[in-house]
Amino acid sequence: MEITWLGQSCFKIQDKNITLITDPYNSELGLKPLHGLKADIITMSHNHCDHNNIRAVSGVAEKSPLIVSTPGEYEIQNVFIYGIPCFHDKEQGKQRGFNTIYLIKMSEITVAHLGDLGHILSDEQLEKIEKVDILLVPVGGTSTIDAKEAKQIISQIEPKIVIPMHYKISGLKKNLDGIDKFYSEMGAKKSEPISKFKILKKDLISQTEMKMVEMENKH
């Protein structure tokens, strides 16, 4: 599996056979516009402009990408996706509406993309999020969980790999916290960002401690 971060909550997740794009953002966000992206599948955690720009992604081999935008179970070309309903805020959606967490199983690896999660997970939600290998977690606060809450959720889920997202980067017009707050909260030393994260299932099996991976915005 190879993961590339394109900014905000947008990732390209791919193996030899299939490409999936999460939460493509609109140019209103201030980041470099998405272009030239192709995917078999697009997941959309919620219908806000920094997560719903599905027009920026074209299909593969003259086929339109499959759009997954609601909770439920999906199977596409040996990729299994499980959408779990949650909220964009701490008041059961009264402020910012609903959000969907996606569990994406590809190449025998399970990735959890939390979208714009705005609260600590309930026991019921946590029961559905089992055996996560890679956790894509928002850490910038303001419109999602912040660094402190992200730490709590990481403790709840206990993934093998943590990749932070949805925080302040160059060009972003949204007022979010930077990545340093997350490092401080986790008590971790800042690492050098990487452009692509490549991992095999056998690497995860042999891994004994949780690892944090900071990704370079590659779009």
N, C-alpha and C. Protein backbone atom coordinates (compact mmCIF):
# COMPACT_ATOMS: atom_id res chain seq x y z
N MET A 1 0.84 -1.19 0.00
CA MET A 1 0.00 0.00 0.00
C MET A 1 0.88 1.25 0.00
N GLU A 2 0.43 2.24 -0.75
CA GLU A 2 1.13 3.52 -0.78
C GLU A 2 0.14 4.64 -0.48
N ILE A 3 0.52 5.55 0.43
CA ILE A 3 -0.34 6.65 0.83
C ILE A 3 0.36 7.97 0.54
N THR A 4 -0.36 8.89 -0.11
CA THR A 4 0.14 10.23 -0.38
C THR A 4 -0.85 11.23 0.17
N TRP A 5 -0.36 12.26 0.87
CA TRP A 5 -1.25 13.30 1.42
C TRP A 5 -1.30 14.46 0.44
N LEU A 6 -2.51 14.87 0.08
CA LEU A 6 -2.70 15.96 -0.87
C LEU A 6 -3.14 17.25 -0.19
N GLY A 7 -3.22 17.25 1.14
CA GLY A 7 -3.64 18.44 1.90
C GLY A 7 -4.99 18.25 2.56
N GLN A 8 -5.18 18.95 3.69
CA GLN A 8 -6.41 18.87 4.48
C GLN A 8 -6.73 17.43 4.83
N SER A 9 -7.82 16.87 4.35
CA SER A 9 -8.16 15.46 4.65
C SER A 9 -8.09 14.59 3.40
N CYS A 10 -7.44 15.11 2.38
CA CYS A 10 -7.39 14.43 1.09
C CYS A 10 -6.14 13.56 0.97
N PHE A 11 -6.34 12.28 0.79
CA PHE A 11 -5.25 11.32 0.62
C PHE A 11 -5.48 10.50 -0.65
N LYS A 12 -4.39 10.08 -1.24
CA LYS A 12 -4.45 9.07 -2.30
C LYS A 12 -3.92 7.78 -1.70
N ILE A 13 -4.75 6.74 -1.70
CA ILE A 13 -4.39 5.44 -1.14
C ILE A 13 -4.44 4.45 -2.29
N GLN A 14 -3.34 3.75 -2.53
CA GLN A 14 -3.33 2.86 -3.69
C GLN A 14 -2.48 1.61 -3.47
N ASP A 15 -2.84 0.59 -4.22
CA ASP A 15 -1.98 -0.58 -4.35
C ASP A 15 -1.77 -0.82 -5.85
N LYS A 16 -1.34 -1.98 -6.22
CA LYS A 16 -1.03 -2.23 -7.63
C LYS A 16 -2.27 -2.19 -8.52
N ASN A 17 -3.44 -2.42 -7.93
CA ASN A 17 -4.64 -2.61 -8.74
C ASN A 17 -5.68 -1.50 -8.65
N ILE A 18 -5.63 -0.68 -7.60
CA ILE A 18 -6.74 0.25 -7.38
C ILE A 18 -6.26 1.52 -6.68
N THR A 19 -6.93 2.62 -6.98
CA THR A 19 -6.62 3.92 -6.35
C THR A 19 -7.88 4.49 -5.72
N LEU A 20 -7.73 4.96 -4.49
CA LEU A 20 -8.83 5.56 -3.75
C LEU A 20 -8.42 6.97 -3.31
N ILE A 21 -9.30 7.94 -3.48
CA ILE A 21 -9.08 9.32 -3.02
C ILE A 21 -10.08 9.64 -1.92
N THR A 22 -9.59 10.22 -0.83
CA THR A 22 -10.48 10.62 0.27
C THR A 22 -10.67 12.14 0.27
N ASP A 23 -11.87 12.59 0.52
CA ASP A 23 -12.20 13.99 0.80
C ASP A 23 -11.47 15.03 -0.08
N PRO A 24 -11.68 15.01 -1.39
CA PRO A 24 -11.06 16.04 -2.23
C PRO A 24 -11.60 17.43 -1.91
N TYR A 25 -10.71 18.41 -1.84
CA TYR A 25 -11.11 19.75 -1.40
C TYR A 25 -11.29 20.71 -2.57
N ASN A 26 -12.01 21.82 -2.31
CA ASN A 26 -12.27 22.86 -3.28
C ASN A 26 -11.16 23.91 -3.22
N SER A 27 -10.96 24.62 -4.31
CA SER A 27 -9.91 25.65 -4.38
C SER A 27 -10.16 26.81 -3.43
N GLU A 28 -11.39 26.96 -2.92
CA GLU A 28 -11.70 28.02 -1.96
C GLU A 28 -10.89 27.87 -0.68
N LEU A 29 -10.36 26.71 -0.46
CA LEU A 29 -9.61 26.43 0.77
C LEU A 29 -8.30 27.21 0.84
N GLY A 30 -7.79 27.63 -0.31
CA GLY A 30 -6.53 28.36 -0.34
C GLY A 30 -5.34 27.52 -0.75
N LEU A 31 -5.50 26.20 -0.74
CA LEU A 31 -4.43 25.30 -1.17
C LEU A 31 -4.40 25.21 -2.69
N LYS A 32 -3.31 24.71 -3.21
CA LYS A 32 -3.18 24.52 -4.64
C LYS A 32 -4.32 23.65 -5.15
N PRO A 33 -5.04 24.08 -6.18
CA PRO A 33 -6.19 23.29 -6.66
C PRO A 33 -5.80 21.87 -7.04
N LEU A 34 -6.68 20.95 -6.77
CA LEU A 34 -6.46 19.56 -7.16
C LEU A 34 -6.67 19.43 -8.66
N HIS A 35 -5.77 18.75 -9.32
CA HIS A 35 -5.94 18.53 -10.75
C HIS A 35 -5.17 17.27 -11.16
N GLY A 36 -5.63 16.67 -12.23
CA GLY A 36 -4.97 15.49 -12.75
C GLY A 36 -5.11 14.23 -11.91
N LEU A 37 -6.07 14.24 -11.00
CA LEU A 37 -6.25 13.07 -10.14
C LEU A 37 -7.17 12.05 -10.81
N LYS A 38 -6.80 10.79 -10.71
CA LYS A 38 -7.63 9.70 -11.21
C LYS A 38 -7.79 8.66 -10.11
N ALA A 39 -8.98 8.12 -10.00
CA ALA A 39 -9.23 7.13 -8.96
C ALA A 39 -10.35 6.19 -9.35
N ASP A 40 -10.33 5.02 -8.76
CA ASP A 40 -11.43 4.07 -8.91
C ASP A 40 -12.55 4.37 -7.93
N ILE A 41 -12.15 4.90 -6.75
CA ILE A 41 -13.11 5.15 -5.67
C ILE A 41 -12.82 6.52 -5.04
N ILE A 42 -13.87 7.25 -4.67
CA ILE A 42 -13.75 8.47 -3.88
C ILE A 42 -14.60 8.30 -2.63
N THR A 43 -14.03 8.55 -1.46
CA THR A 43 -14.83 8.60 -0.24
C THR A 43 -14.98 10.05 0.18
N MET A 44 -16.18 10.40 0.66
CA MET A 44 -16.49 11.77 1.09
C MET A 44 -17.10 11.70 2.48
N SER A 45 -16.40 12.24 3.46
CA SER A 45 -16.85 12.11 4.84
C SER A 45 -18.06 12.98 5.16
N HIS A 46 -18.17 14.12 4.47
CA HIS A 46 -19.33 15.00 4.66
C HIS A 46 -19.34 16.04 3.54
N ASN A 47 -20.47 16.72 3.39
CA ASN A 47 -20.69 17.57 2.23
C ASN A 47 -20.31 19.03 2.50
N HIS A 48 -19.05 19.27 2.88
CA HIS A 48 -18.52 20.63 3.02
C HIS A 48 -17.46 20.84 1.94
N CYS A 49 -17.23 22.10 1.57
CA CYS A 49 -16.42 22.39 0.37
C CYS A 49 -14.98 21.91 0.47
N ASP A 50 -14.47 21.76 1.68
CA ASP A 50 -13.08 21.29 1.80
C ASP A 50 -13.00 19.76 1.86
N HIS A 51 -14.11 19.09 1.51
CA HIS A 51 -14.13 17.63 1.54
C HIS A 51 -14.95 17.01 0.40
N ASN A 52 -15.64 17.81 -0.40
CA ASN A 52 -16.63 17.25 -1.32
C ASN A 52 -16.39 17.55 -2.80
N ASN A 53 -15.17 17.92 -3.17
CA ASN A 53 -14.92 18.32 -4.56
C ASN A 53 -14.66 17.09 -5.44
N ILE A 54 -15.69 16.29 -5.62
CA ILE A 54 -15.54 15.04 -6.38
C ILE A 54 -15.27 15.31 -7.86
N ARG A 55 -15.63 16.49 -8.35
CA ARG A 55 -15.39 16.82 -9.76
C ARG A 55 -13.89 16.94 -10.07
N ALA A 56 -13.08 17.10 -9.04
CA ALA A 56 -11.63 17.24 -9.25
C ALA A 56 -10.96 15.89 -9.56
N VAL A 57 -11.73 14.81 -9.45
CA VAL A 57 -11.16 13.47 -9.63
C VAL A 57 -11.88 12.77 -10.78
N SER A 58 -11.12 12.33 -11.75
CA SER A 58 -11.71 11.59 -12.86
C SER A 58 -11.52 10.09 -12.66
N GLY A 59 -12.17 9.32 -13.50
CA GLY A 59 -12.12 7.88 -13.36
C GLY A 59 -10.91 7.25 -14.03
N VAL A 60 -10.86 5.95 -13.96
CA VAL A 60 -9.77 5.17 -14.54
C VAL A 60 -10.33 4.31 -15.68
N ALA A 61 -9.60 4.23 -16.79
CA ALA A 61 -10.00 3.39 -17.93
C ALA A 61 -11.42 3.71 -18.42
N GLU A 62 -11.69 5.01 -18.52
CA GLU A 62 -12.96 5.52 -19.04
C GLU A 62 -14.16 5.18 -18.16
N LYS A 63 -13.91 4.75 -16.95
CA LYS A 63 -15.00 4.49 -16.00
C LYS A 63 -15.03 5.59 -14.96
N SER A 64 -16.21 6.07 -14.61
CA SER A 64 -16.34 7.08 -13.57
C SER A 64 -16.00 6.46 -12.22
N PRO A 65 -15.38 7.23 -11.32
CA PRO A 65 -15.09 6.67 -10.00
C PRO A 65 -16.37 6.40 -9.21
N LEU A 66 -16.33 5.39 -8.40
CA LEU A 66 -17.46 5.11 -7.51
C LEU A 66 -17.39 6.08 -6.33
N ILE A 67 -18.50 6.76 -6.05
CA ILE A 67 -18.55 7.73 -4.96
C ILE A 67 -19.17 7.08 -3.73
N VAL A 68 -18.44 7.10 -2.62
CA VAL A 68 -18.96 6.59 -1.35
C VAL A 68 -19.12 7.79 -0.41
N SER A 69 -20.35 8.13 -0.08
CA SER A 69 -20.60 9.36 0.68
C SER A 69 -21.54 9.18 1.86
N THR A 70 -21.90 7.95 2.17
CA THR A 70 -22.83 7.70 3.26
C THR A 70 -22.39 6.47 4.07
N PRO A 71 -22.84 6.37 5.31
CA PRO A 71 -22.53 5.16 6.09
C PRO A 71 -23.07 3.91 5.40
N GLY A 72 -22.42 2.79 5.67
CA GLY A 72 -22.85 1.53 5.07
C GLY A 72 -21.66 0.66 4.75
N GLU A 73 -21.93 -0.47 4.11
CA GLU A 73 -20.87 -1.41 3.73
C GLU A 73 -20.76 -1.47 2.21
N TYR A 74 -19.52 -1.41 1.73
CA TYR A 74 -19.27 -1.39 0.29
C TYR A 74 -18.13 -2.36 -0.03
N GLU A 75 -18.23 -2.98 -1.21
CA GLU A 75 -17.14 -3.81 -1.70
C GLU A 75 -16.91 -3.48 -3.16
N ILE A 76 -15.69 -3.00 -3.47
CA ILE A 76 -15.36 -2.60 -4.83
C ILE A 76 -13.99 -3.16 -5.18
N GLN A 77 -13.92 -4.05 -6.13
CA GLN A 77 -12.65 -4.59 -6.61
C GLN A 77 -11.72 -5.04 -5.47
N ASN A 78 -12.27 -5.83 -4.59
CA ASN A 78 -11.53 -6.37 -3.44
C ASN A 78 -11.13 -5.31 -2.41
N VAL A 79 -11.73 -4.14 -2.50
CA VAL A 79 -11.58 -3.13 -1.45
C VAL A 79 -12.88 -3.10 -0.65
N PHE A 80 -12.76 -3.25 0.66
CA PHE A 80 -13.93 -3.24 1.54
C PHE A 80 -13.97 -1.92 2.31
N ILE A 81 -15.11 -1.25 2.25
CA ILE A 81 -15.27 0.05 2.92
C ILE A 81 -16.46 -0.04 3.85
N TYR A 82 -16.25 0.41 5.08
CA TYR A 82 -17.32 0.39 6.08
C TYR A 82 -17.46 1.81 6.62
N GLY A 83 -18.59 2.44 6.33
CA GLY A 83 -18.86 3.81 6.78
C GLY A 83 -19.62 3.83 8.09
N ILE A 84 -19.07 4.53 9.07
CA ILE A 84 -19.65 4.59 10.42
C ILE A 84 -20.15 6.01 10.70
N PRO A 85 -21.43 6.19 11.02
CA PRO A 85 -21.95 7.54 11.25
C PRO A 85 -21.44 8.14 12.55
N CYS A 86 -21.16 9.44 12.50
CA CYS A 86 -20.75 10.18 13.69
C CYS A 86 -21.10 11.65 13.47
N PHE A 87 -20.52 12.56 14.25
CA PHE A 87 -20.90 13.96 14.18
C PHE A 87 -19.69 14.87 13.96
N HIS A 88 -19.98 16.04 13.39
CA HIS A 88 -18.95 17.03 13.09
C HIS A 88 -18.70 17.95 14.29
N ASP A 89 -19.41 17.72 15.37
CA ASP A 89 -19.29 18.58 16.55
C ASP A 89 -19.63 17.78 17.80
N LYS A 90 -19.63 18.44 18.93
CA LYS A 90 -19.90 17.78 20.22
C LYS A 90 -21.37 17.83 20.62
N GLU A 91 -22.21 18.36 19.73
CA GLU A 91 -23.64 18.51 20.05
C GLU A 91 -24.51 17.69 19.10
N GLN A 92 -24.03 16.51 18.76
CA GLN A 92 -24.75 15.56 17.91
C GLN A 92 -25.19 16.18 16.59
N GLY A 93 -24.30 16.98 16.00
CA GLY A 93 -24.54 17.54 14.68
C GLY A 93 -25.30 18.84 14.65
N LYS A 94 -25.66 19.39 15.80
CA LYS A 94 -26.47 20.62 15.83
C LYS A 94 -25.70 21.82 15.28
N GLN A 95 -24.37 21.82 15.43
CA GLN A 95 -23.57 22.94 14.95
C GLN A 95 -23.09 22.76 13.51
N ARG A 96 -22.54 21.60 13.20
CA ARG A 96 -21.90 21.41 11.89
C ARG A 96 -22.42 20.20 11.11
N GLY A 97 -23.36 19.48 11.66
CA GLY A 97 -23.94 18.37 10.92
C GLY A 97 -23.26 17.03 11.16
N PHE A 98 -23.42 16.15 10.22
CA PHE A 98 -22.97 14.77 10.36
C PHE A 98 -21.62 14.55 9.66
N ASN A 99 -20.98 13.45 10.02
CA ASN A 99 -19.69 13.06 9.46
C ASN A 99 -19.68 11.53 9.37
N THR A 100 -18.91 11.01 8.44
CA THR A 100 -18.77 9.56 8.33
C THR A 100 -17.32 9.16 8.47
N ILE A 101 -17.05 8.23 9.37
CA ILE A 101 -15.74 7.60 9.49
C ILE A 101 -15.71 6.44 8.50
N TYR A 102 -14.62 6.31 7.75
CA TYR A 102 -14.51 5.19 6.82
C TYR A 102 -13.38 4.25 7.23
N LEU A 103 -13.72 2.97 7.34
CA LEU A 103 -12.72 1.92 7.45
C LEU A 103 -12.49 1.38 6.05
N ILE A 104 -11.26 1.44 5.59
CA ILE A 104 -10.91 1.04 4.23
C ILE A 104 -9.94 -0.14 4.32
N LYS A 105 -10.36 -1.29 3.82
CA LYS A 105 -9.52 -2.49 3.87
C LYS A 105 -9.01 -2.79 2.47
N MET A 106 -7.70 -2.65 2.31
CA MET A 106 -7.05 -2.82 1.01
C MET A 106 -5.69 -3.48 1.24
N SER A 107 -5.33 -4.43 0.40
CA SER A 107 -4.03 -5.13 0.53
C SER A 107 -3.84 -5.71 1.94
N GLU A 108 -4.93 -6.20 2.54
CA GLU A 108 -4.92 -6.80 3.88
C GLU A 108 -4.59 -5.79 4.98
N ILE A 109 -4.64 -4.51 4.65
CA ILE A 109 -4.36 -3.43 5.61
C ILE A 109 -5.64 -2.63 5.83
N THR A 110 -5.93 -2.28 7.10
CA THR A 110 -7.12 -1.50 7.42
C THR A 110 -6.73 -0.08 7.77
N VAL A 111 -7.27 0.87 6.99
CA VAL A 111 -7.05 2.30 7.21
C VAL A 111 -8.34 2.90 7.73
N ALA A 112 -8.26 3.70 8.79
CA ALA A 112 -9.43 4.43 9.29
C ALA A 112 -9.24 5.91 9.00
N HIS A 113 -10.16 6.48 8.23
CA HIS A 113 -10.15 7.92 7.92
C HIS A 113 -11.29 8.55 8.71
N LEU A 114 -10.94 9.45 9.64
CA LEU A 114 -11.93 9.98 10.57
C LEU A 114 -12.70 11.18 10.03
N GLY A 115 -12.33 11.68 8.83
CA GLY A 115 -13.02 12.85 8.29
C GLY A 115 -12.92 14.03 9.24
N ASP A 116 -14.02 14.76 9.38
CA ASP A 116 -14.06 15.90 10.31
C ASP A 116 -14.74 15.50 11.62
N LEU A 117 -14.24 14.46 12.22
CA LEU A 117 -14.79 14.03 13.51
C LEU A 117 -14.70 15.16 14.53
N GLY A 118 -15.79 15.37 15.26
CA GLY A 118 -15.82 16.49 16.21
C GLY A 118 -15.98 16.10 17.66
N HIS A 119 -15.83 14.83 17.99
CA HIS A 119 -16.10 14.39 19.36
C HIS A 119 -15.33 13.11 19.66
N ILE A 120 -15.24 12.78 20.94
CA ILE A 120 -14.66 11.52 21.36
C ILE A 120 -15.61 10.39 20.97
N LEU A 121 -15.07 9.26 20.59
CA LEU A 121 -15.90 8.15 20.12
C LEU A 121 -16.72 7.52 21.25
N SER A 122 -17.94 7.15 20.92
CA SER A 122 -18.78 6.42 21.87
C SER A 122 -18.35 4.96 21.89
N ASP A 123 -18.79 4.23 22.91
CA ASP A 123 -18.49 2.80 22.98
C ASP A 123 -19.04 2.06 21.77
N GLU A 124 -20.23 2.45 21.32
CA GLU A 124 -20.86 1.80 20.17
C GLU A 124 -20.04 2.03 18.90
N GLN A 125 -19.57 3.25 18.72
CA GLN A 125 -18.74 3.54 17.54
C GLN A 125 -17.41 2.81 17.62
N LEU A 126 -16.85 2.78 18.81
CA LEU A 126 -15.54 2.15 19.00
C LEU A 126 -15.59 0.65 18.71
N GLU A 127 -16.70 0.02 19.04
CA GLU A 127 -16.85 -1.41 18.77
C GLU A 127 -16.78 -1.72 17.28
N LYS A 128 -17.15 -0.75 16.46
CA LYS A 128 -17.15 -0.95 15.00
C LYS A 128 -15.79 -0.64 14.38
N ILE A 129 -14.91 -0.01 15.16
CA ILE A 129 -13.60 0.38 14.63
C ILE A 129 -12.56 -0.53 15.25
N GLU A 130 -12.44 -1.73 14.72
CA GLU A 130 -11.55 -2.73 15.30
C GLU A 130 -10.32 -2.97 14.43
N LYS A 131 -9.22 -3.26 15.08
CA LYS A 131 -7.99 -3.70 14.42
C LYS A 131 -7.56 -2.75 13.30
N VAL A 132 -7.44 -1.47 13.64
CA VAL A 132 -7.00 -0.47 12.68
C VAL A 132 -5.48 -0.49 12.58
N ASP A 133 -4.99 -0.60 11.37
CA ASP A 133 -3.54 -0.55 11.15
C ASP A 133 -3.05 0.89 11.04
N ILE A 134 -3.74 1.69 10.23
CA ILE A 134 -3.32 3.07 9.96
C ILE A 134 -4.48 4.01 10.25
N LEU A 135 -4.25 5.00 11.10
CA LEU A 135 -5.28 5.96 11.49
C LEU A 135 -4.95 7.33 10.91
N LEU A 136 -5.88 7.86 10.10
CA LEU A 136 -5.78 9.21 9.55
C LEU A 136 -6.67 10.10 10.41
N VAL A 137 -6.05 10.95 11.23
CA VAL A 137 -6.77 11.65 12.30
C VAL A 137 -6.62 13.16 12.20
N PRO A 138 -7.74 13.92 12.27
CA PRO A 138 -7.64 15.38 12.29
C PRO A 138 -7.09 15.86 13.63
N VAL A 139 -6.23 16.88 13.60
CA VAL A 139 -5.60 17.33 14.85
C VAL A 139 -5.64 18.85 15.01
N GLY A 140 -6.20 19.58 14.05
CA GLY A 140 -6.10 21.04 14.03
C GLY A 140 -7.13 21.80 14.82
N GLY A 141 -8.13 21.12 15.39
CA GLY A 141 -9.12 21.81 16.19
C GLY A 141 -10.01 22.73 15.37
N THR A 142 -10.65 23.69 16.04
CA THR A 142 -11.59 24.67 15.46
C THR A 142 -12.86 24.00 14.95
N SER A 143 -12.78 23.24 13.88
CA SER A 143 -13.96 22.58 13.31
C SER A 143 -13.92 21.07 13.47
N THR A 144 -12.87 20.56 14.12
CA THR A 144 -12.76 19.12 14.39
C THR A 144 -12.21 18.93 15.80
N ILE A 145 -11.90 17.70 16.14
CA ILE A 145 -11.17 17.44 17.37
C ILE A 145 -9.81 18.15 17.31
N ASP A 146 -9.28 18.49 18.47
CA ASP A 146 -7.97 19.14 18.53
C ASP A 146 -6.90 18.11 18.93
N ALA A 147 -5.70 18.57 19.17
CA ALA A 147 -4.58 17.67 19.47
C ALA A 147 -4.84 16.82 20.71
N LYS A 148 -5.39 17.43 21.74
CA LYS A 148 -5.65 16.70 22.99
C LYS A 148 -6.69 15.61 22.77
N GLU A 149 -7.75 15.95 22.06
CA GLU A 149 -8.80 14.97 21.79
C GLU A 149 -8.31 13.89 20.83
N ALA A 150 -7.46 14.29 19.88
CA ALA A 150 -6.87 13.31 18.96
C ALA A 150 -6.07 12.26 19.74
N LYS A 151 -5.34 12.72 20.74
CA LYS A 151 -4.58 11.79 21.59
C LYS A 151 -5.50 10.79 22.27
N GLN A 152 -6.65 11.27 22.77
CA GLN A 152 -7.62 10.38 23.43
C GLN A 152 -8.15 9.34 22.45
N ILE A 153 -8.45 9.78 21.24
CA ILE A 153 -9.01 8.87 20.24
C ILE A 153 -7.97 7.86 19.79
N ILE A 154 -6.73 8.28 19.68
CA ILE A 154 -5.65 7.35 19.35
C ILE A 154 -5.55 6.27 20.43
N SER A 155 -5.71 6.67 21.70
CA SER A 155 -5.69 5.71 22.80
C SER A 155 -6.89 4.77 22.73
N GLN A 156 -8.03 5.29 22.25
CA GLN A 156 -9.22 4.45 22.11
C GLN A 156 -9.03 3.39 21.01
N ILE A 157 -8.47 3.81 19.88
CA ILE A 157 -8.39 2.94 18.71
C ILE A 157 -7.15 2.04 18.71
N GLU A 158 -6.05 2.56 19.26
CA GLU A 158 -4.77 1.84 19.33
C GLU A 158 -4.29 1.33 17.96
N PRO A 159 -4.08 2.24 17.02
CA PRO A 159 -3.60 1.83 15.70
C PRO A 159 -2.10 1.52 15.72
N LYS A 160 -1.62 0.93 14.66
CA LYS A 160 -0.18 0.68 14.51
C LYS A 160 0.54 1.94 14.02
N ILE A 161 -0.13 2.67 13.11
CA ILE A 161 0.44 3.87 12.50
C ILE A 161 -0.55 5.02 12.66
N VAL A 162 -0.05 6.21 13.01
CA VAL A 162 -0.89 7.41 13.10
C VAL A 162 -0.37 8.44 12.10
N ILE A 163 -1.26 8.92 11.23
CA ILE A 163 -0.92 9.98 10.29
C ILE A 163 -1.85 11.16 10.56
N PRO A 164 -1.32 12.28 11.06
CA PRO A 164 -2.16 13.45 11.33
C PRO A 164 -2.58 14.15 10.05
N MET A 165 -3.73 14.81 10.08
CA MET A 165 -4.25 15.55 8.93
C MET A 165 -5.07 16.73 9.45
N HIS A 166 -5.58 17.54 8.52
CA HIS A 166 -6.51 18.63 8.84
C HIS A 166 -5.92 19.57 9.91
N TYR A 167 -4.73 20.10 9.60
CA TYR A 167 -4.09 21.09 10.46
C TYR A 167 -3.52 22.21 9.59
N LYS A 168 -3.03 23.26 10.22
CA LYS A 168 -2.57 24.45 9.49
C LYS A 168 -1.32 24.15 8.67
N ILE A 169 -1.41 24.42 7.36
CA ILE A 169 -0.26 24.32 6.47
C ILE A 169 -0.23 25.58 5.60
N SER A 170 0.86 25.78 4.91
CA SER A 170 1.04 26.98 4.09
C SER A 170 -0.08 27.12 3.06
N GLY A 171 -0.68 28.30 3.01
CA GLY A 171 -1.74 28.60 2.05
C GLY A 171 -3.14 28.37 2.55
N LEU A 172 -3.29 27.57 3.59
CA LEU A 172 -4.63 27.23 4.09
C LEU A 172 -5.32 28.46 4.69
N LYS A 173 -6.54 28.74 4.24
CA LYS A 173 -7.28 29.89 4.72
C LYS A 173 -8.00 29.62 6.04
N LYS A 174 -8.18 28.37 6.38
CA LYS A 174 -8.87 28.04 7.64
C LYS A 174 -7.96 28.27 8.83
N ASN A 175 -8.56 28.70 9.93
CA ASN A 175 -7.80 28.96 11.15
C ASN A 175 -7.70 27.68 11.99
N LEU A 176 -6.68 26.89 11.73
CA LEU A 176 -6.46 25.64 12.45
C LEU A 176 -5.13 25.69 13.21
N ASP A 177 -5.01 24.83 14.22
CA ASP A 177 -3.73 24.70 14.92
C ASP A 177 -2.71 24.03 14.01
N GLY A 178 -1.43 24.33 14.25
CA GLY A 178 -0.37 23.69 13.51
C GLY A 178 -0.03 22.31 14.07
N ILE A 179 0.85 21.62 13.41
CA ILE A 179 1.21 20.25 13.78
C ILE A 179 1.98 20.19 15.09
N ASP A 180 2.66 21.28 15.47
CA ASP A 180 3.49 21.26 16.67
C ASP A 180 2.69 20.95 17.93
N LYS A 181 1.45 21.43 18.00
CA LYS A 181 0.59 21.16 19.16
C LYS A 181 0.35 19.66 19.33
N PHE A 182 0.20 18.99 18.21
CA PHE A 182 -0.04 17.55 18.25
C PHE A 182 1.21 16.82 18.74
N TYR A 183 2.36 17.18 18.23
CA TYR A 183 3.61 16.58 18.69
C TYR A 183 3.78 16.78 20.20
N SER A 184 3.50 18.01 20.66
CA SER A 184 3.64 18.32 22.08
C SER A 184 2.68 17.48 22.92
N GLU A 185 1.45 17.36 22.48
CA GLU A 185 0.44 16.59 23.21
C GLU A 185 0.81 15.11 23.27
N MET A 186 1.38 14.61 22.20
CA MET A 186 1.77 13.20 22.13
C MET A 186 3.10 12.94 22.83
N GLY A 187 3.81 14.01 23.19
CA GLY A 187 5.12 13.84 23.83
C GLY A 187 6.13 13.22 22.89
N ALA A 188 6.02 13.57 21.61
CA ALA A 188 6.88 12.98 20.59
C ALA A 188 7.79 14.03 19.97
N LYS A 189 8.93 13.60 19.49
CA LYS A 189 9.84 14.49 18.77
C LYS A 189 9.36 14.65 17.34
N LYS A 190 9.49 15.89 16.83
CA LYS A 190 9.06 16.16 15.46
C LYS A 190 9.94 15.38 14.48
N SER A 191 9.29 14.73 13.54
CA SER A 191 10.01 13.93 12.56
C SER A 191 10.06 14.66 11.21
N GLU A 192 10.89 14.18 10.33
CA GLU A 192 10.98 14.76 9.00
C GLU A 192 9.81 14.27 8.16
N PRO A 193 9.02 15.19 7.58
CA PRO A 193 7.89 14.76 6.75
C PRO A 193 8.34 13.93 5.56
N ILE A 194 7.54 12.94 5.20
CA ILE A 194 7.86 12.10 4.03
C ILE A 194 6.83 12.35 2.93
N SER A 195 7.25 12.15 1.69
CA SER A 195 6.36 12.44 0.56
C SER A 195 5.37 11.31 0.29
N LYS A 196 5.82 10.08 0.49
CA LYS A 196 4.95 8.92 0.30
C LYS A 196 5.21 7.92 1.42
N PHE A 197 4.15 7.29 1.88
CA PHE A 197 4.28 6.28 2.91
C PHE A 197 3.92 4.93 2.30
N LYS A 198 4.90 4.03 2.26
CA LYS A 198 4.70 2.70 1.70
C LYS A 198 4.80 1.67 2.80
N ILE A 199 3.86 0.73 2.81
CA ILE A 199 3.82 -0.26 3.88
C ILE A 199 3.25 -1.58 3.36
N LEU A 200 3.75 -2.69 3.87
CA LEU A 200 3.21 -4.01 3.59
C LEU A 200 2.62 -4.58 4.87
N LYS A 201 1.70 -5.50 4.73
CA LYS A 201 1.07 -6.12 5.89
C LYS A 201 2.11 -6.79 6.79
N LYS A 202 3.10 -7.43 6.19
CA LYS A 202 4.12 -8.13 6.99
C LYS A 202 4.91 -7.16 7.87
N ASP A 203 5.06 -5.91 7.40
CA ASP A 203 5.76 -4.90 8.21
C ASP A 203 4.94 -4.55 9.44
N LEU A 204 3.63 -4.47 9.28
CA LEU A 204 2.75 -4.13 10.40
C LEU A 204 2.69 -5.26 11.42
N ILE A 205 2.72 -6.50 10.93
CA ILE A 205 2.68 -7.65 11.84
C ILE A 205 3.89 -7.67 12.76
N SER A 206 5.04 -7.30 12.21
CA SER A 206 6.27 -7.34 13.00
C SER A 206 6.48 -6.09 13.86
N GLN A 207 5.66 -5.07 13.63
CA GLN A 207 5.81 -3.81 14.38
C GLN A 207 5.27 -3.97 15.81
N THR A 208 6.04 -3.55 16.80
CA THR A 208 5.65 -3.75 18.20
C THR A 208 5.18 -2.48 18.89
N GLU A 209 5.52 -1.31 18.36
CA GLU A 209 5.10 -0.05 18.97
C GLU A 209 4.41 0.84 17.95
N MET A 210 3.50 1.70 18.45
CA MET A 210 2.81 2.63 17.57
C MET A 210 3.81 3.62 16.98
N LYS A 211 3.60 3.96 15.73
CA LYS A 211 4.50 4.87 15.02
C LYS A 211 3.72 6.06 14.48
N MET A 212 4.27 7.27 14.65
CA MET A 212 3.67 8.47 14.07
C MET A 212 4.39 8.81 12.78
N VAL A 213 3.61 9.14 11.75
CA VAL A 213 4.17 9.49 10.45
C VAL A 213 3.62 10.86 10.02
N GLU A 214 4.51 11.83 9.87
CA GLU A 214 4.10 13.12 9.34
C GLU A 214 4.34 13.13 7.84
N MET A 215 3.33 13.53 7.08
CA MET A 215 3.45 13.51 5.64
C MET A 215 3.59 14.91 5.07
N GLU A 216 4.36 15.00 4.03
CA GLU A 216 4.53 16.24 3.30
C GLU A 216 3.34 16.43 2.37
N ASN A 217 2.82 17.66 2.32
CA ASN A 217 1.73 17.94 1.40
C ASN A 217 2.26 17.89 -0.02
N LYS A 218 1.81 16.92 -0.81
CA LYS A 218 2.41 16.67 -2.12
C LYS A 218 1.60 17.17 -3.29
N HIS A 219 0.64 18.06 -3.07
CA HIS A 219 -0.09 18.55 -4.24
C HIS A 219 0.16 20.04 -4.38
